[in-house]
Amino acid sequence: MPALIGSRVPRLEDEALLRGRGRFVDDVPVSGVLHAAFVRSPHPHALIRKVSIDVAAALPGVHAVLTLDDLQPVLAQRRMNRRS
């Protein structure tokens, strides 16, 4: 096997991507798959006292609205810390 470090390696996918014909995982249709969206507070270190899930749950296509309390059984700790 030739050394690749410092060598030019032709990328086979570039032409399709540059011409708008690239295929990504999100482009592959899979039936029955749901998508998730996460909403964070726009206020850093704010204490969220209440979340009204009724409005979100009533929107068309919404299958579930989960809060931190719903996720508690599978979390290692109560706070959801962001790691950078």
C-alpha atoms as a PDB file:
ATOM      1  CA  MET A   1       0.000   0.000   0.000  1.00  0.00           C
ATOM      2  CA  PRO A   2       1.511   3.364  -0.990  1.00  0.00           C
ATOM      3  CA  ALA A   3       1.910   6.090   1.623  1.00  0.00           C
ATOM      4  CA  LEU A   4      -1.041   8.511   1.559  1.00  0.00           C
ATOM      5  CA  ILE A   5       0.326  11.126   3.955  1.00  0.00           C
ATOM      6  CA  GLY A   6       1.195  14.194   1.923  1.00  0.00           C
ATOM      7  CA  SER A   7      -0.018  12.590  -1.309  1.00  0.00           C
ATOM      8  CA  ARG A   8      -2.751  13.929  -3.532  1.00  0.00           C
ATOM      9  CA  VAL A   9      -5.731  11.605  -3.445  1.00  0.00           C
ATOM     10  CA  PRO A  10      -8.399  12.203  -6.097  1.00  0.00           C
ATOM     11  CA  ARG A  11     -11.848  12.557  -4.583  1.00  0.00           C
ATOM     12  CA  LEU A  12     -14.402  10.663  -6.600  1.00  0.00           C
ATOM     13  CA  GLU A  13     -17.457  12.475  -5.218  1.00  0.00           C
ATOM     14  CA  ASP A  14     -16.419  16.061  -6.019  1.00  0.00           C
ATOM     15  CA  GLU A  15     -17.825  16.332  -9.532  1.00  0.00           C
ATOM     16  CA  ALA A  16     -21.310  15.174  -8.500  1.00  0.00           C
ATOM     17  CA  LEU A  17     -21.322  17.506  -5.477  1.00  0.00           C
ATOM     18  CA  LEU A  18     -20.155  20.516  -7.482  1.00  0.00           C
ATOM     19  CA  ARG A  19     -22.823  19.916 -10.122  1.00  0.00           C
ATOM     20  CA  GLY A  20     -25.632  19.547  -7.578  1.00  0.00           C
ATOM     21  CA  ARG A  21     -26.002  15.826  -8.170  1.00  0.00           C
ATOM     22  CA  GLY A  22     -24.515  14.654  -4.875  1.00  0.00           C
ATOM     23  CA  ARG A  23     -26.425  12.185  -2.755  1.00  0.00           C
ATOM     24  CA  PHE A  24     -26.498  12.504   0.999  1.00  0.00           C
ATOM     25  CA  VAL A  25     -27.929  10.253   3.710  1.00  0.00           C
ATOM     26  CA  ASP A  26     -30.836  12.679   4.146  1.00  0.00           C
ATOM     27  CA  ASP A  27     -31.680  12.234   0.438  1.00  0.00           C
ATOM     28  CA  VAL A  28     -32.367   8.507   0.835  1.00  0.00           C
ATOM     29  CA  PRO A  29     -36.103   7.981   1.394  1.00  0.00           C
ATOM     30  CA  VAL A  30     -36.952   5.586   4.230  1.00  0.00           C
ATOM     31  CA  SER A  31     -40.595   5.007   5.057  1.00  0.00           C
ATOM     32  CA  GLY A  32     -41.797   5.420   8.617  1.00  0.00           C
ATOM     33  CA  VAL A  33     -38.847   7.528   9.760  1.00  0.00           C
ATOM     34  CA  LEU A  34     -39.548  10.443  12.089  1.00  0.00           C
ATOM     35  CA  HIS A  35     -37.425  13.585  12.441  1.00  0.00           C
ATOM     36  CA  ALA A  36     -36.463  15.286  15.697  1.00  0.00           C
ATOM     37  CA  ALA A  37     -36.139  18.968  16.477  1.00  0.00           C
ATOM     38  CA  PHE A  38     -34.595  20.389  19.632  1.00  0.00           C
ATOM     39  CA  VAL A  39     -35.526  23.798  21.000  1.00  0.00           C
ATOM     40  CA  ARG A  40     -33.106  25.549  23.300  1.00  0.00           C
ATOM     41  CA  SER A  41     -33.696  28.619  25.389  1.00  0.00           C
ATOM     42  CA  PRO A  42     -32.427  31.826  23.766  1.00  0.00           C
ATOM     43  CA  HIS A  43     -31.405  32.967  27.271  1.00  0.00           C
ATOM     44  CA  PRO A  44     -28.136  31.466  28.560  1.00  0.00           C
ATOM     45  CA  HIS A  45     -28.342  29.989  32.054  1.00  0.00           C
ATOM     46  CA  ALA A  46     -32.040  30.812  32.272  1.00  0.00           C
ATOM     47  CA  LEU A  47     -34.190  28.757  34.587  1.00  0.00           C
ATOM     48  CA  ILE A  48     -37.099  27.338  32.614  1.00  0.00           C
ATOM     49  CA  ARG A  49     -40.009  27.095  35.008  1.00  0.00           C
ATOM     50  CA  LYS A  50     -42.693  25.752  32.705  1.00  0.00           C
ATOM     51  CA  VAL A  51     -43.032  24.320  29.226  1.00  0.00           C
ATOM     52  CA  SER A  52     -46.467  24.338  27.578  1.00  0.00           C
ATOM     53  CA  ILE A  53     -46.420  21.307  25.334  1.00  0.00           C
ATOM     54  CA  ASP A  54     -50.102  21.357  24.363  1.00  0.00           C
ATOM     55  CA  VAL A  55     -49.687  23.783  21.441  1.00  0.00           C
ATOM     56  CA  ALA A  56     -46.697  21.915  20.002  1.00  0.00           C
ATOM     57  CA  ALA A  57     -48.353  18.534  20.451  1.00  0.00           C
ATOM     58  CA  ALA A  58     -51.454  19.762  18.594  1.00  0.00           C
ATOM     59  CA  LEU A  59     -49.499  20.714  15.441  1.00  0.00           C
ATOM     60  CA  PRO A  60     -49.995  18.464  12.419  1.00  0.00           C
ATOM     61  CA  GLY A  61     -47.294  15.835  12.038  1.00  0.00           C
ATOM     62  CA  VAL A  62     -46.058  16.084  15.631  1.00  0.00           C
ATOM     63  CA  HIS A  63     -45.815  12.616  17.156  1.00  0.00           C
ATOM     64  CA  ALA A  64     -44.297  13.497  20.526  1.00  0.00           C
ATOM     65  CA  VAL A  65     -43.129  16.444  22.598  1.00  0.00           C
ATOM     66  CA  LEU A  66     -40.536  15.518  25.193  1.00  0.00           C
ATOM     67  CA  THR A  67     -39.162  17.598  28.040  1.00  0.00           C
ATOM     68  CA  LEU A  68     -36.218  17.036  30.357  1.00  0.00           C
ATOM     69  CA  ASP A  69     -38.552  15.293  32.800  1.00  0.00           C
ATOM     70  CA  ASP A  70     -39.493  12.782  30.084  1.00  0.00           C
ATOM     71  CA  LEU A  71     -35.814  12.034  29.401  1.00  0.00           C
ATOM     72  CA  GLN A  72     -34.814  11.719  33.061  1.00  0.00           C
ATOM     73  CA  PRO A  73     -34.878   7.878  33.145  1.00  0.00           C
ATOM     74  CA  VAL A  74     -32.203   7.640  30.427  1.00  0.00           C
ATOM     75  CA  LEU A  75     -29.956  10.539  31.472  1.00  0.00           C
ATOM     76  CA  ALA A  76     -26.771  10.040  33.475  1.00  0.00           C
ATOM     77  CA  GLN A  77     -27.311  13.407  35.175  1.00  0.00           C
ATOM     78  CA  ARG A  78     -30.192  15.855  35.498  1.00  0.00           C
ATOM     79  CA  ARG A  79     -28.612  18.773  33.622  1.00  0.00           C
ATOM     80  CA  MET A  80     -28.045  18.564  29.890  1.00  0.00           C
ATOM     81  CA  ASN A  81     -24.602  20.107  29.519  1.00  0.00           C
ATOM     82  CA  ARG A  82     -23.296  21.148  26.140  1.00  0.00           C
ATOM     83  CA  ARG A  83     -19.769  20.085  25.392  1.00  0.00           C
ATOM     84  CA  SER A  84     -17.733  22.027  22.851  1.00  0.00           C
END
